[in-house]
Amino acid sequence: ECKASDGITSTCYGKVCLPSLDQQCTAVTSGERVLSNCEWATGSQMKAKGHTCKGLVCCKKCQQESGEVNINGDDYTDPTICSDCSSLVSKSTFTVNGVSNTIYLGAAVEGTMLADSGKICLDDEQTAPDADSCANGKFYDASIGRCLNCDSACSRCTGPSVFDCVGSCAHGNKDSRGACPISKEQVSFSDVPPRDASANVGQARSSASVAILSLLFGLFSCVH
């Protein structure tokens, strides 16, 4: 957990503190309902009933009461009660090249943790983070709790770049910097031997001599 820019407890995901549920409600309602629903007993936004990854419950007013308050037959001390709330489970479906995709307009931000502290919102569903043991060709990113693909240059890896490959490369061998080549073409190109530097110097001197002789011949012709 972390503190969002408004000082309210939020979720740390991808090494970033996500917007609080108040801030998310403000964004998805365009400022109409700027408060997240809260759990009565604790005032926690993330533990409030009604929130789902597909749609948050956003309210116009939340207030902490004083003393003992009976709510639905149960007594609560100094509960936080929200009113004029709305569940924002609305969606829009669009089709591109015959493939349909659905966007939930009131969805929680990717990575948000709600009532279940063991899960986060991924692809509009509450999902448990991946185990830190990933299959070959993937590495574990603890900041988002997911197994991600290695670079195509790697057979196995500990991170996303060509410098994070472990063991043999997918194409050829590592270079002097420790980076794996990204393709067979790169390996073929790097295997071309460099031209002899002395031959290049000799060719340059020969060309310069020809140019000087041509210039002198031109001057001689002009004099005679």
C-alpha atoms as a PDB file:
ATOM      1  CA  GLU A   1       0.000   0.000   0.000  1.00  0.00           C
ATOM      2  CA  CYS A   2       0.991   3.652  -0.405  1.00  0.00           C
ATOM      3  CA  LYS A   3      -0.386   7.164  -0.059  1.00  0.00           C
ATOM      4  CA  ALA A   4      -1.816   8.734  -3.214  1.00  0.00           C
ATOM      5  CA  SER A   5      -1.263  12.409  -4.007  1.00  0.00           C
ATOM      6  CA  ASP A   6      -4.419  13.300  -2.026  1.00  0.00           C
ATOM      7  CA  GLY A   7      -3.062  11.545   1.071  1.00  0.00           C
ATOM      8  CA  ILE A   8      -5.493   8.607   0.913  1.00  0.00           C
ATOM      9  CA  THR A   9      -4.300   4.990   1.065  1.00  0.00           C
ATOM     10  CA  SER A  10      -3.952   3.430  -2.377  1.00  0.00           C
ATOM     11  CA  THR A  11      -2.185   0.593  -4.211  1.00  0.00           C
ATOM     12  CA  CYS A  12       1.469   0.524  -5.271  1.00  0.00           C
ATOM     13  CA  TYR A  13       1.588  -1.044  -8.735  1.00  0.00           C
ATOM     14  CA  GLY A  14       4.387  -0.967 -11.299  1.00  0.00           C
ATOM     15  CA  LYS A  15       6.544   1.048  -8.855  1.00  0.00           C
ATOM     16  CA  VAL A  16       3.921   3.832  -8.920  1.00  0.00           C
ATOM     17  CA  CYS A  17       1.330   4.802  -6.316  1.00  0.00           C
ATOM     18  CA  LEU A  18      -2.001   4.607  -8.142  1.00  0.00           C
ATOM     19  CA  PRO A  19      -4.699   7.285  -7.783  1.00  0.00           C
ATOM     20  CA  SER A  20      -6.874   6.832  -4.704  1.00  0.00           C
ATOM     21  CA  LEU A  21     -10.451   5.608  -5.200  1.00  0.00           C
ATOM     22  CA  ASP A  22     -11.622   9.199  -4.562  1.00  0.00           C
ATOM     23  CA  GLN A  23      -9.425  10.355  -7.433  1.00  0.00           C
ATOM     24  CA  GLN A  24     -10.594   7.485  -9.639  1.00  0.00           C
ATOM     25  CA  CYS A  25     -14.247   8.322  -8.904  1.00  0.00           C
ATOM     26  CA  THR A  26     -13.614  11.967  -9.750  1.00  0.00           C
ATOM     27  CA  ALA A  27     -12.106  10.918 -13.091  1.00  0.00           C
ATOM     28  CA  VAL A  28     -14.755   8.399 -14.184  1.00  0.00           C
ATOM     29  CA  THR A  29     -17.699  10.644 -13.192  1.00  0.00           C
ATOM     30  CA  SER A  30     -16.139  13.834 -14.584  1.00  0.00           C
ATOM     31  CA  GLY A  31     -16.367  15.415 -11.134  1.00  0.00           C
ATOM     32  CA  GLU A  32     -20.032  14.518 -10.494  1.00  0.00           C
ATOM     33  CA  ARG A  33     -19.283  12.030  -7.683  1.00  0.00           C
ATOM     34  CA  VAL A  34     -15.882  12.692  -6.174  1.00  0.00           C
ATOM     35  CA  LEU A  35     -15.997  10.321  -3.192  1.00  0.00           C
ATOM     36  CA  SER A  36     -15.524   6.570  -3.082  1.00  0.00           C
ATOM     37  CA  ASN A  37     -17.914   4.489  -1.016  1.00  0.00           C
ATOM     38  CA  CYS A  38     -16.398   3.532   2.371  1.00  0.00           C
ATOM     39  CA  GLU A  39     -16.607   0.588   4.729  1.00  0.00           C
ATOM     40  CA  TRP A  40     -18.840   1.627   7.624  1.00  0.00           C
ATOM     41  CA  ALA A  41     -16.700   0.282  10.464  1.00  0.00           C
ATOM     42  CA  THR A  42     -13.245   1.436   9.344  1.00  0.00           C
ATOM     43  CA  GLY A  43     -13.850   4.141   6.750  1.00  0.00           C
ATOM     44  CA  SER A  44     -11.644   2.180   4.336  1.00  0.00           C
ATOM     45  CA  GLN A  45     -12.376   2.884   0.693  1.00  0.00           C
ATOM     46  CA  MET A  46     -10.769  -0.272  -0.668  1.00  0.00           C
ATOM     47  CA  LYS A  47     -12.769  -2.550   1.674  1.00  0.00           C
ATOM     48  CA  ALA A  48     -16.126  -0.939   0.874  1.00  0.00           C
ATOM     49  CA  LYS A  49     -18.935  -3.167  -0.365  1.00  0.00           C
ATOM     50  CA  GLY A  50     -19.998  -2.817  -3.983  1.00  0.00           C
ATOM     51  CA  HIS A  51     -16.652  -2.012  -5.584  1.00  0.00           C
ATOM     52  CA  THR A  52     -15.645  -4.314  -8.445  1.00  0.00           C
ATOM     53  CA  CYS A  53     -12.875  -4.082 -11.002  1.00  0.00           C
ATOM     54  CA  LYS A  54     -15.521  -3.443 -13.655  1.00  0.00           C
ATOM     55  CA  GLY A  55     -17.118  -0.571 -11.764  1.00  0.00           C
ATOM     56  CA  LEU A  56     -16.547   1.484  -8.613  1.00  0.00           C
ATOM     57  CA  VAL A  57     -19.240   2.772  -6.256  1.00  0.00           C
ATOM     58  CA  CYS A  58     -18.903   6.544  -6.219  1.00  0.00           C
ATOM     59  CA  CYS A  59     -20.784   8.976  -3.966  1.00  0.00           C
ATOM     60  CA  LYS A  60     -21.546  12.639  -3.508  1.00  0.00           C
ATOM     61  CA  LYS A  61     -21.299  12.688   0.273  1.00  0.00           C
ATOM     62  CA  CYS A  62     -19.464  10.685   2.955  1.00  0.00           C
ATOM     63  CA  GLN A  63     -19.533  11.597   6.634  1.00  0.00           C
ATOM     64  CA  GLN A  64     -18.212  10.036   9.821  1.00  0.00           C
ATOM     65  CA  GLU A  65     -20.920   9.841  12.465  1.00  0.00           C
ATOM     66  CA  SER A  66     -20.289  10.067  16.212  1.00  0.00           C
ATOM     67  CA  GLY A  67     -21.232   7.446  18.775  1.00  0.00           C
ATOM     68  CA  GLU A  68     -23.106   4.192  18.340  1.00  0.00           C
ATOM     69  CA  VAL A  69     -25.102   3.897  15.121  1.00  0.00           C
ATOM     70  CA  ASN A  70     -27.298   0.948  14.116  1.00  0.00           C
ATOM     71  CA  ILE A  71     -27.024   0.080  10.439  1.00  0.00           C
ATOM     72  CA  ASN A  72     -29.075  -2.771   9.036  1.00  0.00           C
ATOM     73  CA  GLY A  73     -29.443  -4.301  12.494  1.00  0.00           C
ATOM     74  CA  ASP A  74     -25.756  -4.033  13.468  1.00  0.00           C
ATOM     75  CA  ASP A  75     -24.200  -1.471  15.815  1.00  0.00           C
ATOM     76  CA  TYR A  76     -21.158   0.504  14.693  1.00  0.00           C
ATOM     77  CA  THR A  77     -19.042   3.015  16.611  1.00  0.00           C
ATOM     78  CA  ASP A  78     -18.289   6.257  14.764  1.00  0.00           C
ATOM     79  CA  PRO A  79     -19.133   4.745  11.362  1.00  0.00           C
ATOM     80  CA  THR A  80     -18.472   6.436   8.035  1.00  0.00           C
ATOM     81  CA  ILE A  81     -21.683   6.634   6.029  1.00  0.00           C
ATOM     82  CA  CYS A  82     -21.835   7.610   2.353  1.00  0.00           C
ATOM     83  CA  SER A  83     -24.965   8.732   0.506  1.00  0.00           C
ATOM     84  CA  ASP A  84     -26.144   9.496  -3.016  1.00  0.00           C
ATOM     85  CA  CYS A  85     -23.948   6.723  -4.396  1.00  0.00           C
ATOM     86  CA  SER A  86     -23.977   5.023  -7.777  1.00  0.00           C
ATOM     87  CA  SER A  87     -22.411   1.809  -9.063  1.00  0.00           C
ATOM     88  CA  LEU A  88     -20.659   2.673 -12.318  1.00  0.00           C
ATOM     89  CA  VAL A  89     -20.849  -0.660 -14.144  1.00  0.00           C
ATOM     90  CA  SER A  90     -21.393   0.635 -17.677  1.00  0.00           C
ATOM     91  CA  LYS A  91     -19.604  -0.550 -20.771  1.00  0.00           C
ATOM     92  CA  SER A  92     -18.988   0.177 -24.425  1.00  0.00           C
ATOM     93  CA  THR A  93     -18.246  -2.462 -27.064  1.00  0.00           C
ATOM     94  CA  PHE A  94     -16.486  -1.732 -30.337  1.00  0.00           C
ATOM     95  CA  THR A  95     -15.352  -3.948 -33.196  1.00  0.00           C
ATOM     96  CA  VAL A  96     -12.138  -3.594 -35.209  1.00  0.00           C
ATOM     97  CA  ASN A  97     -11.306  -6.020 -38.039  1.00  0.00           C
ATOM     98  CA  GLY A  98     -14.003  -8.376 -36.835  1.00  0.00           C
ATOM     99  CA  VAL A  99     -12.682  -8.496 -33.251  1.00  0.00           C
ATOM    100  CA  SER A 100     -14.966  -7.135 -30.518  1.00  0.00           C
ATOM    101  CA  ASN A 101     -13.558  -5.414 -27.430  1.00  0.00           C
ATOM    102  CA  THR A 102     -15.421  -4.177 -24.373  1.00  0.00           C
ATOM    103  CA  ILE A 103     -14.389  -1.200 -22.245  1.00  0.00           C
ATOM    104  CA  TYR A 104     -15.893  -0.723 -18.772  1.00  0.00           C
ATOM    105  CA  LEU A 105     -16.327   3.019 -18.390  1.00  0.00           C
ATOM    106  CA  GLY A 106     -16.304   3.045 -14.578  1.00  0.00           C
ATOM    107  CA  ALA A 107     -13.601   0.420 -14.105  1.00  0.00           C
ATOM    108  CA  ALA A 108     -10.912   0.630 -11.461  1.00  0.00           C
ATOM    109  CA  VAL A 109      -7.417   1.527 -12.641  1.00  0.00           C
ATOM    110  CA  GLU A 110      -5.318  -1.505 -13.613  1.00  0.00           C
ATOM    111  CA  GLY A 111      -3.491  -2.785 -10.535  1.00  0.00           C
ATOM    112  CA  THR A 112      -5.987  -1.419  -7.982  1.00  0.00           C
ATOM    113  CA  MET A 113      -6.519  -3.538  -4.859  1.00  0.00           C
ATOM    114  CA  LEU A 114     -10.087  -3.728  -3.540  1.00  0.00           C
ATOM    115  CA  ALA A 115     -11.659  -5.741  -0.677  1.00  0.00           C
ATOM    116  CA  ASP A 116      -9.565  -8.864  -1.304  1.00  0.00           C
ATOM    117  CA  SER A 117      -6.049  -7.850  -0.300  1.00  0.00           C
ATOM    118  CA  GLY A 118      -4.633 -10.910  -2.055  1.00  0.00           C
ATOM    119  CA  LYS A 119      -5.829  -9.783  -5.485  1.00  0.00           C
ATOM    120  CA  ILE A 120      -5.560  -6.789  -7.798  1.00  0.00           C
ATOM    121  CA  CYS A 121      -7.564  -5.630 -10.803  1.00  0.00           C
ATOM    122  CA  LEU A 122      -6.097  -7.003 -14.022  1.00  0.00           C
ATOM    123  CA  ASP A 123      -8.082  -6.882 -17.274  1.00  0.00           C
ATOM    124  CA  ASP A 124     -11.201  -5.832 -15.301  1.00  0.00           C
ATOM    125  CA  GLU A 125     -11.087  -8.892 -13.028  1.00  0.00           C
ATOM    126  CA  GLN A 126      -9.798  -9.424  -9.493  1.00  0.00           C
ATOM    127  CA  THR A 127      -6.744 -11.584 -10.065  1.00  0.00           C
ATOM    128  CA  ALA A 128      -4.163 -13.096  -7.755  1.00  0.00           C
ATOM    129  CA  PRO A 129      -0.594 -12.087  -8.708  1.00  0.00           C
ATOM    130  CA  ASP A 130       1.488 -14.717 -10.493  1.00  0.00           C
ATOM    131  CA  ALA A 131       3.790 -16.917  -8.456  1.00  0.00           C
ATOM    132  CA  ASP A 132       7.398 -15.730  -8.523  1.00  0.00           C
ATOM    133  CA  SER A 133       8.394 -18.915 -10.395  1.00  0.00           C
ATOM    134  CA  CYS A 134       7.854 -18.314 -14.112  1.00  0.00           C
ATOM    135  CA  ALA A 135       8.083 -20.578 -17.134  1.00  0.00           C
ATOM    136  CA  ASN A 136      11.081 -20.464 -19.484  1.00  0.00           C
ATOM    137  CA  GLY A 137      10.998 -17.387 -21.665  1.00  0.00           C
ATOM    138  CA  LYS A 138       9.441 -15.273 -18.883  1.00  0.00           C
ATOM    139  CA  PHE A 139      10.636 -13.336 -15.822  1.00  0.00           C
ATOM    140  CA  TYR A 140       8.834 -12.251 -12.655  1.00  0.00           C
ATOM    141  CA  ASP A 141       8.199  -8.524 -12.179  1.00  0.00           C
ATOM    142  CA  ALA A 142       7.482  -8.095  -8.469  1.00  0.00           C
ATOM    143  CA  SER A 143       6.230  -4.522  -8.948  1.00  0.00           C
ATOM    144  CA  ILE A 144       3.138  -5.791 -10.792  1.00  0.00           C
ATOM    145  CA  GLY A 145       3.090  -9.405  -9.598  1.00  0.00           C
ATOM    146  CA  ARG A 146       3.162 -10.859 -13.099  1.00  0.00           C
ATOM    147  CA  CYS A 147       5.330 -13.049 -15.306  1.00  0.00           C
ATOM    148  CA  LEU A 148       6.378 -11.076 -18.381  1.00  0.00           C
ATOM    149  CA  ASN A 149       7.996 -12.195 -21.633  1.00  0.00           C
ATOM    150  CA  CYS A 150      11.765 -12.098 -21.984  1.00  0.00           C
ATOM    151  CA  ASP A 151      13.314 -10.261 -24.910  1.00  0.00           C
ATOM    152  CA  SER A 152      13.306 -12.447 -28.036  1.00  0.00           C
ATOM    153  CA  ALA A 153      17.109 -12.491 -27.842  1.00  0.00           C
ATOM    154  CA  CYS A 154      16.960 -14.580 -24.638  1.00  0.00           C
ATOM    155  CA  SER A 155      16.201 -18.220 -23.951  1.00  0.00           C
ATOM    156  CA  ARG A 156      15.843 -17.416 -20.241  1.00  0.00           C
ATOM    157  CA  CYS A 157      16.134 -14.111 -18.424  1.00  0.00           C
ATOM    158  CA  THR A 158      15.888 -12.113 -15.197  1.00  0.00           C
ATOM    159  CA  GLY A 159      14.568  -8.922 -16.804  1.00  0.00           C
ATOM    160  CA  PRO A 160      13.201  -7.374 -19.994  1.00  0.00           C
ATOM    161  CA  SER A 161      16.353  -6.361 -21.899  1.00  0.00           C
ATOM    162  CA  VAL A 162      19.006  -8.117 -24.003  1.00  0.00           C
ATOM    163  CA  PHE A 163      21.403  -7.596 -21.058  1.00  0.00           C
ATOM    164  CA  ASP A 164      19.197  -9.699 -18.758  1.00  0.00           C
ATOM    165  CA  CYS A 165      19.563 -13.001 -20.617  1.00  0.00           C
ATOM    166  CA  VAL A 166      20.633 -16.008 -18.540  1.00  0.00           C
ATOM    167  CA  GLY A 167      22.609 -18.866 -20.065  1.00  0.00           C
ATOM    168  CA  SER A 168      22.806 -19.193 -23.832  1.00  0.00           C
ATOM    169  CA  CYS A 169      21.327 -16.616 -26.202  1.00  0.00           C
ATOM    170  CA  ALA A 170      18.539 -17.442 -28.637  1.00  0.00           C
ATOM    171  CA  HIS A 171      20.809 -16.283 -31.513  1.00  0.00           C
ATOM    172  CA  GLY A 172      24.579 -16.705 -31.271  1.00  0.00           C
ATOM    173  CA  ASN A 173      26.714 -15.517 -28.359  1.00  0.00           C
ATOM    174  CA  LYS A 174      26.813 -12.463 -26.109  1.00  0.00           C
ATOM    175  CA  ASP A 175      28.909  -9.515 -27.265  1.00  0.00           C
ATOM    176  CA  SER A 176      31.635  -7.784 -25.252  1.00  0.00           C
ATOM    177  CA  ARG A 177      29.011  -5.791 -23.351  1.00  0.00           C
ATOM    178  CA  GLY A 178      27.147  -8.923 -22.277  1.00  0.00           C
ATOM    179  CA  ALA A 179      24.203  -8.364 -24.626  1.00  0.00           C
ATOM    180  CA  CYS A 180      22.622 -11.125 -26.699  1.00  0.00           C
ATOM    181  CA  PRO A 181      22.078 -10.464 -30.424  1.00  0.00           C
ATOM    182  CA  ILE A 182      18.440  -9.817 -31.319  1.00  0.00           C
ATOM    183  CA  SER A 183      18.455 -11.831 -34.563  1.00  0.00           C
ATOM    184  CA  LYS A 184      20.415 -14.246 -36.733  1.00  0.00           C
ATOM    185  CA  GLU A 185      21.010 -11.369 -39.156  1.00  0.00           C
ATOM    186  CA  GLN A 186      22.771  -9.389 -36.440  1.00  0.00           C
ATOM    187  CA  VAL A 187      25.009 -12.399 -35.729  1.00  0.00           C
ATOM    188  CA  SER A 188      25.889 -12.716 -39.438  1.00  0.00           C
ATOM    189  CA  PHE A 189      26.671  -9.007 -39.664  1.00  0.00           C
ATOM    190  CA  SER A 190      28.910  -9.059 -36.595  1.00  0.00           C
ATOM    191  CA  ASP A 191      30.837 -12.044 -37.997  1.00  0.00           C
ATOM    192  CA  VAL A 192      32.014 -10.080 -41.095  1.00  0.00           C
ATOM    193  CA  PRO A 193      35.774  -9.427 -40.533  1.00  0.00           C
ATOM    194  CA  PRO A 194      36.859  -5.784 -40.549  1.00  0.00           C
ATOM    195  CA  ARG A 195      38.824  -4.510 -43.543  1.00  0.00           C
ATOM    196  CA  ASP A 196      42.602  -4.190 -43.178  1.00  0.00           C
ATOM    197  CA  ALA A 197      43.250  -0.653 -41.965  1.00  0.00           C
ATOM    198  CA  SER A 198      46.678  -0.548 -43.687  1.00  0.00           C
ATOM    199  CA  ALA A 199      45.033  -1.436 -47.006  1.00  0.00           C
ATOM    200  CA  ASN A 200      42.631   1.476 -46.553  1.00  0.00           C
ATOM    201  CA  VAL A 201      45.546   3.833 -45.858  1.00  0.00           C
ATOM    202  CA  GLY A 202      47.414   2.587 -48.933  1.00  0.00           C
ATOM    203  CA  GLN A 203      44.360   3.088 -51.124  1.00  0.00           C
ATOM    204  CA  ALA A 204      43.900   6.596 -49.789  1.00  0.00           C
ATOM    205  CA  ARG A 205      47.549   7.478 -50.493  1.00  0.00           C
ATOM    206  CA  SER A 206      47.307   6.070 -54.033  1.00  0.00           C
ATOM    207  CA  SER A 207      44.211   8.161 -54.731  1.00  0.00           C
ATOM    208  CA  ALA A 208      45.919  11.283 -53.389  1.00  0.00           C
ATOM    209  CA  SER A 209      49.009  10.666 -55.598  1.00  0.00           C
ATOM    210  CA  VAL A 210      46.840  10.338 -58.707  1.00  0.00           C
ATOM    211  CA  ALA A 211      45.071  13.592 -57.869  1.00  0.00           C
ATOM    212  CA  ILE A 212      48.388  15.461 -57.430  1.00  0.00           C
ATOM    213  CA  LEU A 213      49.816  14.118 -60.695  1.00  0.00           C
ATOM    214  CA  SER A 214      46.657  15.148 -62.538  1.00  0.00           C
ATOM    215  CA  LEU A 215      46.927  18.655 -61.108  1.00  0.00           C
ATOM    216  CA  LEU A 216      50.617  18.981 -62.092  1.00  0.00           C
ATOM    217  CA  PHE A 217      49.922  17.700 -65.583  1.00  0.00           C
ATOM    218  CA  GLY A 218      47.212  20.316 -65.984  1.00  0.00           C
ATOM    219  CA  LEU A 219      49.537  23.121 -64.893  1.00  0.00           C
ATOM    220  CA  PHE A 220      52.313  21.907 -67.237  1.00  0.00           C
ATOM    221  CA  SER A 221      49.904  21.900 -70.158  1.00  0.00           C
ATOM    222  CA  CYS A 222      48.846  25.476 -69.428  1.00  0.00           C
ATOM    223  CA  VAL A 223      52.479  26.733 -69.368  1.00  0.00           C
ATOM    224  CA  HIS A 224      53.398  25.155 -72.705  1.00  0.00           C
END
